[in-house]
Amino acid sequence: MTLMPSFAKRNFSCLLLASVLAAASCLSGCQIDGSEPPLVNFGKATPLTIEVPSNLPPITIPPENPTTVQGVALGRKLFYEPLLSGDNTQSCSSCHAQANAFSDHGKQFSEGIDHLVGNMNAMAIVNLAWANEFFWDGRVT
């Protein structure tokens, strides 16, 4: 059994969350326009239909975890929430910056909490709805 250092665990958690949420968020429009639905919906969740361009394959969405308007809004909030980091200072967007195509542009290696520098750059998170492998080395499938 290989143990991951705490830096890698935080990056893994962030990337996994970011991958799922950014894909849904980007497909539905990455711009925050102030018209987000409330995160709490005590009624039935509002299904979100993702229109896939004709030159791309269909997206497989598990029937037990359908994409909803509320889920995408929650994902967007979590992606930008620094309280999920080990020291409450860094969100997924700290490295996967929307202004830089959701990448850590200009850095050879990404910096985590406590100014710990990793051994990889945070890769851009785009088109993840069609991805089967995550991280540069494909260690998460």
N, C-alpha and C. Protein backbone atom coordinates (compact mmCIF):
# COMPACT_ATOMS: atom_id res chain seq x y z
N MET A 1 0.85 -1.18 0.00
CA MET A 1 0.00 0.00 0.00
C MET A 1 0.89 1.24 0.00
N THR A 2 0.67 2.14 -0.92
CA THR A 2 1.44 3.36 -1.00
C THR A 2 0.71 4.47 -0.27
N LEU A 3 1.43 5.14 0.61
CA LEU A 3 0.84 6.26 1.34
C LEU A 3 1.15 7.55 0.61
N MET A 4 0.14 8.38 0.44
CA MET A 4 0.34 9.67 -0.20
C MET A 4 0.67 10.69 0.87
N PRO A 5 1.63 11.60 0.59
CA PRO A 5 1.87 12.68 1.55
C PRO A 5 0.65 13.57 1.66
N SER A 6 0.55 14.30 2.77
CA SER A 6 -0.65 15.13 2.98
C SER A 6 -0.84 16.14 1.87
N PHE A 7 0.24 16.67 1.30
CA PHE A 7 0.13 17.62 0.17
C PHE A 7 -0.59 16.95 -0.99
N ALA A 8 -0.20 15.71 -1.30
CA ALA A 8 -0.82 14.99 -2.41
C ALA A 8 -2.28 14.67 -2.12
N LYS A 9 -2.60 14.33 -0.88
CA LYS A 9 -3.99 14.04 -0.52
C LYS A 9 -4.86 15.27 -0.73
N ARG A 10 -4.36 16.42 -0.30
CA ARG A 10 -5.13 17.65 -0.48
C ARG A 10 -5.31 17.94 -1.96
N ASN A 11 -4.23 17.76 -2.73
CA ASN A 11 -4.34 18.01 -4.17
C ASN A 11 -5.29 17.02 -4.82
N PHE A 12 -5.25 15.76 -4.40
CA PHE A 12 -6.14 14.76 -4.95
C PHE A 12 -7.59 15.12 -4.67
N SER A 13 -7.88 15.48 -3.42
CA SER A 13 -9.25 15.84 -3.05
C SER A 13 -9.72 17.05 -3.85
N CYS A 14 -8.86 18.02 -3.95
CA CYS A 14 -9.21 19.24 -4.68
C CYS A 14 -9.42 18.93 -6.15
N LEU A 15 -8.52 18.14 -6.75
CA LEU A 15 -8.65 17.83 -8.17
C LEU A 15 -9.90 17.01 -8.45
N LEU A 16 -10.16 16.04 -7.60
CA LEU A 16 -11.34 15.21 -7.81
C LEU A 16 -12.61 16.06 -7.74
N LEU A 17 -12.72 16.87 -6.70
CA LEU A 17 -13.87 17.75 -6.56
C LEU A 17 -13.93 18.72 -7.72
N ALA A 18 -12.81 19.32 -8.03
CA ALA A 18 -12.77 20.31 -9.11
C ALA A 18 -13.12 19.69 -10.44
N SER A 19 -12.65 18.48 -10.69
CA SER A 19 -12.90 17.81 -11.96
C SER A 19 -14.39 17.63 -12.21
N VAL A 20 -15.05 17.08 -11.23
CA VAL A 20 -16.48 16.83 -11.38
C VAL A 20 -17.27 18.13 -11.46
N LEU A 21 -16.96 19.03 -10.56
CA LEU A 21 -17.73 20.25 -10.47
C LEU A 21 -17.43 21.23 -11.59
N ALA A 22 -16.18 21.32 -11.96
CA ALA A 22 -15.82 22.26 -13.03
C ALA A 22 -16.39 21.80 -14.36
N ALA A 23 -16.40 20.51 -14.59
CA ALA A 23 -16.96 20.01 -15.84
C ALA A 23 -18.43 20.42 -15.95
N ALA A 24 -19.18 20.18 -14.91
CA ALA A 24 -20.60 20.56 -14.93
C ALA A 24 -20.75 22.07 -14.99
N SER A 25 -19.93 22.77 -14.23
CA SER A 25 -20.00 24.22 -14.20
C SER A 25 -19.64 24.83 -15.55
N CYS A 26 -18.56 24.34 -16.14
CA CYS A 26 -18.11 24.88 -17.42
C CYS A 26 -19.11 24.58 -18.53
N LEU A 27 -19.67 23.40 -18.49
CA LEU A 27 -20.62 23.04 -19.53
C LEU A 27 -21.89 23.87 -19.44
N SER A 28 -22.20 24.33 -18.24
CA SER A 28 -23.41 25.12 -18.08
C SER A 28 -23.12 26.61 -18.11
N GLY A 29 -21.87 26.98 -18.26
CA GLY A 29 -21.48 28.39 -18.31
C GLY A 29 -20.70 28.75 -17.07
N CYS A 30 -19.46 29.17 -17.26
CA CYS A 30 -18.57 29.42 -16.13
C CYS A 30 -18.75 30.81 -15.54
N GLN A 31 -19.52 31.62 -16.16
CA GLN A 31 -19.64 32.99 -15.69
C GLN A 31 -20.62 33.06 -14.52
N ILE A 32 -20.17 33.70 -13.46
CA ILE A 32 -21.04 33.90 -12.31
C ILE A 32 -21.78 35.21 -12.55
N ASP A 33 -23.08 35.13 -12.75
CA ASP A 33 -23.83 36.33 -13.13
C ASP A 33 -24.80 36.78 -12.04
N GLY A 34 -24.70 36.22 -10.87
CA GLY A 34 -25.57 36.64 -9.78
C GLY A 34 -26.94 36.00 -9.80
N SER A 35 -27.24 35.18 -10.81
CA SER A 35 -28.57 34.58 -10.90
C SER A 35 -28.53 33.11 -10.49
N GLU A 36 -27.62 32.76 -9.61
CA GLU A 36 -27.49 31.37 -9.19
C GLU A 36 -28.71 30.95 -8.37
N PRO A 37 -29.14 29.71 -8.52
CA PRO A 37 -30.27 29.23 -7.73
C PRO A 37 -29.84 29.01 -6.28
N PRO A 38 -30.79 28.97 -5.37
CA PRO A 38 -30.42 28.71 -3.98
C PRO A 38 -29.85 27.30 -3.83
N LEU A 39 -28.92 27.13 -2.89
CA LEU A 39 -28.32 25.82 -2.69
C LEU A 39 -29.27 24.86 -2.00
N VAL A 40 -30.17 25.37 -1.21
CA VAL A 40 -31.13 24.51 -0.52
C VAL A 40 -32.44 24.56 -1.29
N ASN A 41 -32.88 23.39 -1.68
CA ASN A 41 -34.14 23.28 -2.41
C ASN A 41 -34.89 22.12 -1.77
N PHE A 42 -35.88 22.42 -0.98
CA PHE A 42 -36.58 21.37 -0.27
C PHE A 42 -37.61 20.65 -1.14
N GLY A 43 -37.78 21.14 -2.32
CA GLY A 43 -38.65 20.46 -3.27
C GLY A 43 -37.82 19.54 -4.14
N LYS A 44 -38.31 19.27 -5.31
CA LYS A 44 -37.61 18.41 -6.24
C LYS A 44 -36.47 19.18 -6.90
N ALA A 45 -35.33 18.52 -7.07
CA ALA A 45 -34.18 19.15 -7.72
C ALA A 45 -34.52 19.46 -9.17
N THR A 46 -33.97 20.54 -9.67
CA THR A 46 -34.21 20.97 -11.05
C THR A 46 -33.19 20.32 -11.97
N PRO A 47 -33.62 19.43 -12.86
CA PRO A 47 -32.67 18.79 -13.77
C PRO A 47 -31.98 19.83 -14.66
N LEU A 48 -30.71 19.58 -14.96
CA LEU A 48 -29.96 20.45 -15.85
C LEU A 48 -29.63 19.67 -17.11
N THR A 49 -30.07 20.16 -18.22
CA THR A 49 -29.76 19.54 -19.49
C THR A 49 -28.50 20.17 -20.04
N ILE A 50 -27.53 19.35 -20.32
CA ILE A 50 -26.26 19.83 -20.88
C ILE A 50 -26.30 19.59 -22.38
N GLU A 51 -26.21 20.67 -23.12
CA GLU A 51 -26.20 20.56 -24.58
C GLU A 51 -24.76 20.35 -25.04
N VAL A 52 -24.51 19.18 -25.58
CA VAL A 52 -23.17 18.82 -26.03
C VAL A 52 -23.04 19.19 -27.51
N PRO A 53 -21.95 19.89 -27.87
CA PRO A 53 -21.74 20.22 -29.28
C PRO A 53 -21.73 18.96 -30.14
N SER A 54 -22.18 19.06 -31.35
CA SER A 54 -22.33 17.89 -32.22
C SER A 54 -21.01 17.22 -32.56
N ASN A 55 -19.90 17.93 -32.42
CA ASN A 55 -18.61 17.32 -32.74
C ASN A 55 -17.99 16.58 -31.55
N LEU A 56 -18.70 16.50 -30.42
CA LEU A 56 -18.22 15.78 -29.25
C LEU A 56 -19.15 14.61 -28.95
N PRO A 57 -18.60 13.56 -28.33
CA PRO A 57 -19.44 12.41 -27.98
C PRO A 57 -20.38 12.77 -26.83
N PRO A 58 -21.44 12.00 -26.66
CA PRO A 58 -22.35 12.27 -25.54
C PRO A 58 -21.65 12.07 -24.20
N ILE A 59 -22.15 12.75 -23.19
CA ILE A 59 -21.61 12.62 -21.83
C ILE A 59 -22.39 11.53 -21.12
N THR A 60 -21.68 10.64 -20.45
CA THR A 60 -22.33 9.61 -19.66
C THR A 60 -22.57 10.16 -18.26
N ILE A 61 -23.81 10.31 -17.89
CA ILE A 61 -24.17 10.80 -16.56
C ILE A 61 -24.86 9.66 -15.82
N PRO A 62 -24.31 9.25 -14.68
CA PRO A 62 -24.90 8.13 -13.94
C PRO A 62 -26.34 8.44 -13.53
N PRO A 63 -27.26 7.52 -13.74
CA PRO A 63 -28.66 7.79 -13.40
C PRO A 63 -28.87 8.03 -11.90
N GLU A 64 -27.99 7.48 -11.05
CA GLU A 64 -28.14 7.68 -9.62
C GLU A 64 -27.56 9.02 -9.15
N ASN A 65 -26.92 9.77 -10.07
CA ASN A 65 -26.34 11.07 -9.72
C ASN A 65 -26.58 12.05 -10.87
N PRO A 66 -27.84 12.40 -11.11
CA PRO A 66 -28.13 13.28 -12.25
C PRO A 66 -27.60 14.69 -12.02
N THR A 67 -27.29 15.37 -13.11
CA THR A 67 -26.85 16.75 -13.04
C THR A 67 -28.06 17.64 -12.79
N THR A 68 -27.95 18.50 -11.78
CA THR A 68 -29.05 19.40 -11.44
C THR A 68 -28.54 20.84 -11.36
N VAL A 69 -29.45 21.76 -11.49
CA VAL A 69 -29.12 23.18 -11.36
C VAL A 69 -28.52 23.43 -9.97
N GLN A 70 -29.12 22.85 -8.95
CA GLN A 70 -28.65 23.04 -7.59
C GLN A 70 -27.28 22.41 -7.38
N GLY A 71 -27.04 21.26 -7.98
CA GLY A 71 -25.75 20.60 -7.86
C GLY A 71 -24.63 21.41 -8.48
N VAL A 72 -24.89 22.00 -9.63
CA VAL A 72 -23.89 22.84 -10.29
C VAL A 72 -23.62 24.10 -9.45
N ALA A 73 -24.67 24.69 -8.90
CA ALA A 73 -24.49 25.88 -8.04
C ALA A 73 -23.66 25.52 -6.80
N LEU A 74 -23.94 24.37 -6.21
CA LEU A 74 -23.16 23.92 -5.05
C LEU A 74 -21.71 23.68 -5.45
N GLY A 75 -21.52 23.04 -6.59
CA GLY A 75 -20.16 22.78 -7.07
C GLY A 75 -19.37 24.06 -7.27
N ARG A 76 -20.01 25.05 -7.83
CA ARG A 76 -19.35 26.33 -8.04
C ARG A 76 -18.94 26.94 -6.70
N LYS A 77 -19.83 26.90 -5.73
CA LYS A 77 -19.51 27.44 -4.40
C LYS A 77 -18.34 26.68 -3.76
N LEU A 78 -18.36 25.36 -3.84
CA LEU A 78 -17.30 24.56 -3.24
C LEU A 78 -15.96 24.77 -3.94
N PHE A 79 -15.96 24.96 -5.24
CA PHE A 79 -14.74 25.16 -6.02
C PHE A 79 -14.01 26.42 -5.55
N TYR A 80 -14.75 27.44 -5.15
CA TYR A 80 -14.16 28.71 -4.73
C TYR A 80 -14.05 28.83 -3.20
N GLU A 81 -14.35 27.77 -2.46
CA GLU A 81 -14.38 27.83 -0.99
C GLU A 81 -13.04 27.46 -0.37
N PRO A 82 -12.33 28.41 0.25
CA PRO A 82 -11.04 28.09 0.87
C PRO A 82 -11.15 27.29 2.17
N LEU A 83 -12.30 27.25 2.78
CA LEU A 83 -12.44 26.52 4.05
C LEU A 83 -12.29 25.01 3.88
N LEU A 84 -12.25 24.52 2.65
CA LEU A 84 -12.07 23.09 2.42
C LEU A 84 -10.60 22.69 2.46
N SER A 85 -9.68 23.65 2.49
CA SER A 85 -8.26 23.32 2.53
C SER A 85 -7.82 23.02 3.96
N GLY A 86 -6.64 22.45 4.09
CA GLY A 86 -6.14 22.06 5.39
C GLY A 86 -5.97 23.20 6.38
N ASP A 87 -5.74 24.42 5.87
CA ASP A 87 -5.58 25.57 6.77
C ASP A 87 -6.57 26.69 6.47
N ASN A 88 -7.60 26.39 5.72
CA ASN A 88 -8.69 27.33 5.40
C ASN A 88 -8.25 28.54 4.58
N THR A 89 -7.19 28.39 3.79
CA THR A 89 -6.69 29.54 3.03
C THR A 89 -6.74 29.36 1.52
N GLN A 90 -6.93 28.16 1.04
CA GLN A 90 -6.79 27.91 -0.39
C GLN A 90 -7.99 27.14 -0.93
N SER A 91 -8.55 27.63 -2.01
CA SER A 91 -9.63 26.90 -2.67
C SER A 91 -9.06 26.19 -3.89
N CYS A 92 -9.87 25.38 -4.52
CA CYS A 92 -9.44 24.74 -5.77
C CYS A 92 -9.05 25.81 -6.79
N SER A 93 -9.80 26.92 -6.78
CA SER A 93 -9.54 27.99 -7.74
C SER A 93 -8.24 28.73 -7.47
N SER A 94 -7.60 28.49 -6.34
CA SER A 94 -6.31 29.11 -6.08
C SER A 94 -5.27 28.64 -7.09
N CYS A 95 -5.35 27.40 -7.49
CA CYS A 95 -4.43 26.87 -8.50
C CYS A 95 -5.11 26.74 -9.86
N HIS A 96 -6.37 26.37 -9.87
CA HIS A 96 -7.11 26.20 -11.12
C HIS A 96 -7.90 27.49 -11.38
N ALA A 97 -7.16 28.55 -11.77
CA ALA A 97 -7.74 29.89 -11.89
C ALA A 97 -8.57 30.03 -13.17
N GLN A 98 -9.80 30.47 -13.02
CA GLN A 98 -10.69 30.67 -14.16
C GLN A 98 -10.07 31.63 -15.16
N ALA A 99 -9.41 32.66 -14.69
CA ALA A 99 -8.80 33.66 -15.58
C ALA A 99 -7.68 33.06 -16.41
N ASN A 100 -7.14 31.92 -16.00
CA ASN A 100 -6.06 31.25 -16.73
C ASN A 100 -6.53 29.91 -17.29
N ALA A 101 -7.75 29.87 -17.77
CA ALA A 101 -8.33 28.64 -18.33
C ALA A 101 -8.29 27.50 -17.32
N PHE A 102 -8.58 27.83 -16.06
CA PHE A 102 -8.61 26.86 -14.97
C PHE A 102 -7.27 26.12 -14.82
N SER A 103 -6.17 26.87 -14.98
CA SER A 103 -4.84 26.30 -14.82
C SER A 103 -4.05 27.14 -13.82
N ASP A 104 -2.86 26.67 -13.49
CA ASP A 104 -1.94 27.39 -12.62
C ASP A 104 -0.85 27.99 -13.51
N HIS A 105 -1.28 28.81 -14.45
CA HIS A 105 -0.45 29.34 -15.52
C HIS A 105 0.79 30.07 -14.99
N GLY A 106 1.92 29.80 -15.63
CA GLY A 106 3.14 30.52 -15.32
C GLY A 106 3.96 29.93 -14.19
N LYS A 107 3.50 28.85 -13.61
CA LYS A 107 4.25 28.24 -12.52
C LYS A 107 4.72 26.86 -12.94
N GLN A 108 5.97 26.56 -12.62
CA GLN A 108 6.47 25.22 -12.93
C GLN A 108 5.82 24.20 -12.01
N PHE A 109 5.72 24.55 -10.71
CA PHE A 109 5.12 23.66 -9.73
C PHE A 109 4.10 24.44 -8.91
N SER A 110 2.99 23.80 -8.63
CA SER A 110 1.93 24.46 -7.86
C SER A 110 2.29 24.50 -6.39
N GLU A 111 1.80 25.54 -5.73
CA GLU A 111 2.07 25.74 -4.31
C GLU A 111 0.81 25.45 -3.51
N GLY A 112 0.96 24.63 -2.48
CA GLY A 112 -0.17 24.28 -1.63
C GLY A 112 -0.18 25.12 -0.37
N ILE A 113 -0.92 24.63 0.61
CA ILE A 113 -0.98 25.36 1.87
C ILE A 113 0.39 25.32 2.54
N ASP A 114 0.60 26.21 3.47
CA ASP A 114 1.88 26.34 4.17
C ASP A 114 3.03 26.59 3.20
N HIS A 115 2.73 27.08 2.02
CA HIS A 115 3.72 27.39 0.98
C HIS A 115 4.51 26.16 0.56
N LEU A 116 3.93 24.98 0.67
CA LEU A 116 4.59 23.75 0.23
C LEU A 116 4.46 23.65 -1.28
N VAL A 117 5.58 23.46 -1.95
CA VAL A 117 5.59 23.37 -3.40
C VAL A 117 5.58 21.89 -3.78
N GLY A 118 4.68 21.55 -4.68
CA GLY A 118 4.56 20.17 -5.12
C GLY A 118 5.58 19.83 -6.20
N ASN A 119 5.40 18.68 -6.83
CA ASN A 119 6.30 18.28 -7.90
C ASN A 119 5.62 18.28 -9.26
N MET A 120 4.44 18.91 -9.33
CA MET A 120 3.69 19.03 -10.59
C MET A 120 3.00 20.38 -10.63
N ASN A 121 2.63 20.78 -11.82
CA ASN A 121 1.82 21.97 -12.01
C ASN A 121 0.37 21.52 -12.04
N ALA A 122 -0.52 22.30 -11.43
CA ALA A 122 -1.95 21.97 -11.47
C ALA A 122 -2.43 22.06 -12.92
N MET A 123 -2.79 20.96 -13.49
CA MET A 123 -3.20 20.95 -14.89
C MET A 123 -4.53 21.68 -15.08
N ALA A 124 -4.73 22.17 -16.28
CA ALA A 124 -5.99 22.83 -16.61
C ALA A 124 -7.12 21.81 -16.49
N ILE A 125 -8.24 22.26 -15.99
CA ILE A 125 -9.38 21.35 -15.84
C ILE A 125 -10.45 21.75 -16.87
N VAL A 126 -10.35 21.15 -18.03
CA VAL A 126 -11.28 21.41 -19.12
C VAL A 126 -11.74 20.09 -19.73
N ASN A 127 -12.95 20.08 -20.21
CA ASN A 127 -13.52 18.90 -20.87
C ASN A 127 -13.44 17.63 -20.02
N LEU A 128 -13.56 17.78 -18.70
CA LEU A 128 -13.43 16.63 -17.82
C LEU A 128 -14.62 15.69 -17.87
N ALA A 129 -15.70 16.13 -18.45
CA ALA A 129 -16.85 15.24 -18.59
C ALA A 129 -16.51 14.05 -19.49
N TRP A 130 -15.50 14.22 -20.32
CA TRP A 130 -15.08 13.15 -21.23
C TRP A 130 -13.79 12.48 -20.79
N ALA A 131 -13.22 12.87 -19.66
CA ALA A 131 -11.93 12.33 -19.22
C ALA A 131 -12.11 11.03 -18.44
N ASN A 132 -11.17 10.13 -18.61
CA ASN A 132 -11.15 8.87 -17.87
C ASN A 132 -9.99 8.81 -16.89
N GLU A 133 -9.00 9.67 -17.08
CA GLU A 133 -7.83 9.70 -16.21
C GLU A 133 -7.61 11.14 -15.75
N PHE A 134 -7.12 11.27 -14.53
CA PHE A 134 -6.88 12.59 -13.95
C PHE A 134 -5.46 12.65 -13.41
N PHE A 135 -4.94 13.83 -13.26
CA PHE A 135 -3.55 14.12 -12.93
C PHE A 135 -2.69 13.89 -14.18
N TRP A 136 -1.54 14.49 -14.22
CA TRP A 136 -0.65 14.36 -15.37
C TRP A 136 -0.25 12.92 -15.61
N ASP A 137 -0.08 12.16 -14.54
CA ASP A 137 0.39 10.78 -14.69
C ASP A 137 -0.76 9.77 -14.72
N GLY A 138 -2.00 10.22 -14.72
CA GLY A 138 -3.14 9.31 -14.84
C GLY A 138 -3.37 8.44 -13.62
N ARG A 139 -2.88 8.86 -12.44
CA ARG A 139 -2.99 8.00 -11.26
C ARG A 139 -4.39 7.89 -10.71
N VAL A 140 -5.32 8.71 -11.18
CA VAL A 140 -6.71 8.60 -10.74
C VAL A 140 -7.56 8.33 -11.98
N THR A 141 -8.35 7.28 -11.93
CA THR A 141 -9.22 6.97 -13.08
C THR A 141 -10.66 6.89 -12.63
